[in-house]
Amino acid sequence: MLLRKRTILAIAFAGAFTGVSTMAGYGMTRAADPTSALTMKPLQGVSFDIGTKRAVSYFLSDDEECKLTLMLAELVNDDDEANGLAAARMTVAVEVGKVAHLDTDEGKSVEFKCQPGGQEMSIEVIEPGRILAPSR
């Protein structure tokens, strides 16, 4: 019974992730060049790839914080289709001027920085071997 509930939840999340990533043509930004930094505004969705993973993110501005929500799924075929059953979602509050890092098992990192005023976040995919500046 527990396995059935988990499967149903995974399928529901997969559908939600697919729906969010399909909206990329409807108001979401898709990174053309993964090496350049992206910028997003509150409630603006951004989609980008980190190695073999597809990421979709947005944030809410609240009291000098950027409340970031990030969804990840594995890329599974040549058409860049995401396998929703392997998706994950996380939410983290990033203080203005601070940085949150996400590291992948491939050695890549993603840096999310909450800009002054909390009305903008920058996203940068960092290749392996590049030294990151410490967060202050």
Protein backbone atom coordinates (compact mmCIF):
# COMPACT_ATOMS: atom_id res chain seq x y z
CA MET A 1 0.00 0.00 0.00
CA LEU A 2 2.83 2.42 0.91
CA LEU A 3 4.59 1.63 -2.37
CA ARG A 4 1.37 2.36 -4.29
CA LYS A 5 1.01 5.77 -2.52
CA ARG A 6 4.62 6.65 -3.35
CA THR A 7 4.09 5.67 -6.99
CA ILE A 8 0.94 7.79 -7.21
CA LEU A 9 2.76 10.74 -5.62
CA ALA A 10 5.69 10.32 -8.03
CA ILE A 11 3.32 10.26 -11.01
CA ALA A 12 1.46 13.35 -9.73
CA PHE A 13 4.74 15.21 -9.22
CA ALA A 14 5.93 14.11 -12.66
CA GLY A 15 2.77 15.57 -14.18
CA ALA A 16 3.26 18.83 -12.29
CA PHE A 17 6.92 19.05 -13.33
CA THR A 18 6.05 18.33 -16.95
CA GLY A 19 3.35 21.00 -16.82
CA VAL A 20 5.75 23.57 -15.39
CA SER A 21 8.50 22.78 -17.88
CA THR A 22 6.02 22.80 -20.80
CA MET A 23 5.10 26.35 -19.84
CA ALA A 24 8.61 27.40 -20.93
CA GLY A 25 7.06 28.85 -24.05
CA TYR A 26 4.52 30.81 -21.99
CA GLY A 27 6.41 33.35 -19.88
CA MET A 28 9.35 31.24 -18.74
CA THR A 29 12.92 31.97 -19.75
CA ARG A 30 15.04 29.17 -21.18
CA ALA A 31 18.81 29.51 -21.04
CA ALA A 32 20.23 29.48 -24.56
CA ASP A 33 23.83 29.51 -23.32
CA PRO A 34 24.29 27.53 -20.08
CA THR A 35 27.62 29.30 -19.38
CA SER A 36 26.07 32.76 -19.17
CA ALA A 37 24.35 34.03 -16.02
CA LEU A 38 20.55 34.17 -16.00
CA THR A 39 18.43 36.71 -14.15
CA MET A 40 14.90 36.16 -12.89
CA LYS A 41 12.25 38.39 -11.31
CA PRO A 42 9.72 37.26 -8.67
CA LEU A 43 7.34 34.59 -10.03
CA GLN A 44 9.22 34.45 -13.36
CA GLY A 45 10.07 30.86 -14.19
CA VAL A 46 13.50 29.99 -15.56
CA SER A 47 14.48 26.67 -17.14
CA PHE A 48 18.08 25.54 -17.66
CA ASP A 49 20.21 22.39 -17.87
CA ILE A 50 22.91 21.32 -15.42
CA GLY A 51 24.76 18.47 -17.10
CA THR A 52 22.28 15.59 -17.31
CA LYS A 53 19.62 17.39 -15.27
CA ARG A 54 16.87 19.84 -16.27
CA ALA A 55 16.11 22.57 -13.73
CA VAL A 56 13.04 24.79 -13.46
CA SER A 57 13.05 27.54 -10.84
CA TYR A 58 11.23 30.64 -9.63
CA PHE A 59 11.28 32.74 -6.47
CA LEU A 60 9.09 34.92 -4.27
CA SER A 61 10.36 38.15 -2.69
CA ASP A 62 9.61 38.39 1.03
CA ASP A 63 11.12 40.68 3.71
CA GLU A 64 14.63 41.02 2.28
CA GLU A 65 14.73 37.38 1.20
CA CYS A 66 14.38 35.51 -2.05
CA LYS A 67 12.35 32.34 -1.41
CA LEU A 68 13.70 30.11 -4.16
CA THR A 69 11.89 27.02 -5.44
CA LEU A 70 13.89 24.65 -7.63
CA MET A 71 12.70 21.50 -9.40
CA LEU A 72 15.15 19.02 -10.94
CA ALA A 73 14.66 16.04 -13.25
CA GLU A 74 16.98 13.78 -15.24
CA LEU A 75 17.24 14.26 -19.01
CA VAL A 76 16.62 10.85 -20.52
CA ASN A 77 16.64 11.02 -24.30
CA ASP A 78 17.93 12.87 -27.36
CA ASP A 79 14.84 15.13 -27.45
CA ASP A 80 15.77 16.70 -24.08
CA GLU A 81 12.65 15.22 -22.51
CA ALA A 82 12.73 15.07 -18.71
CA ASN A 83 11.86 11.83 -16.93
CA GLY A 84 9.41 13.18 -14.37
CA LEU A 85 9.57 10.06 -12.17
CA ALA A 86 13.11 11.09 -11.15
CA ALA A 87 12.09 14.67 -10.27
CA ALA A 88 12.78 16.50 -7.01
CA ARG A 89 11.67 19.85 -5.59
CA MET A 90 13.29 22.03 -2.95
CA THR A 91 12.60 25.45 -1.48
CA VAL A 92 15.19 27.62 0.29
CA ALA A 93 15.24 31.19 1.61
CA VAL A 94 18.27 33.17 0.40
CA GLU A 95 19.00 36.44 2.19
CA VAL A 96 19.59 39.58 0.10
CA GLY A 97 23.24 39.70 -0.96
CA LYS A 98 23.78 36.03 -0.06
CA VAL A 99 24.32 33.02 -2.32
CA ALA A 100 22.92 29.48 -2.30
CA HIS A 101 24.90 26.74 -4.07
CA LEU A 102 23.64 23.47 -5.50
CA ASP A 103 26.28 20.89 -6.40
CA THR A 104 25.69 17.99 -8.80
CA ASP A 105 27.29 14.56 -8.80
CA GLU A 106 28.99 15.57 -12.07
CA GLY A 107 31.04 18.25 -10.29
CA LYS A 108 29.02 21.21 -11.58
CA SER A 109 27.54 23.83 -9.28
CA VAL A 110 24.69 26.29 -9.62
CA GLU A 111 24.89 29.61 -7.81
CA PHE A 112 21.67 31.44 -6.91
CA LYS A 113 22.24 35.01 -5.65
CA CYS A 114 19.53 37.21 -4.16
CA GLN A 115 20.20 40.72 -5.47
CA PRO A 116 19.76 43.93 -3.39
CA GLY A 117 16.10 44.67 -2.67
CA GLY A 118 15.12 41.02 -3.16
CA GLN A 119 13.49 41.79 -6.52
CA GLU A 120 15.95 39.86 -8.68
CA MET A 121 17.99 36.65 -8.52
CA SER A 122 20.96 35.70 -10.65
CA ILE A 123 21.66 32.09 -11.62
CA GLU A 124 25.02 30.89 -12.81
CA VAL A 125 26.06 27.34 -13.75
CA ILE A 126 29.67 26.83 -12.69
CA GLU A 127 31.80 24.23 -14.45
CA PRO A 128 34.06 21.81 -12.53
CA GLY A 129 37.45 23.21 -11.57
CA ARG A 130 36.30 26.80 -11.13
CA ILE A 131 36.87 28.11 -7.62
CA LEU A 132 33.83 29.69 -6.01
CA ALA A 133 34.05 32.87 -3.98
CA PRO A 134 32.95 32.25 -0.37
CA SER A 135 29.49 33.50 0.65
CA ARG A 136 29.53 36.41 3.07
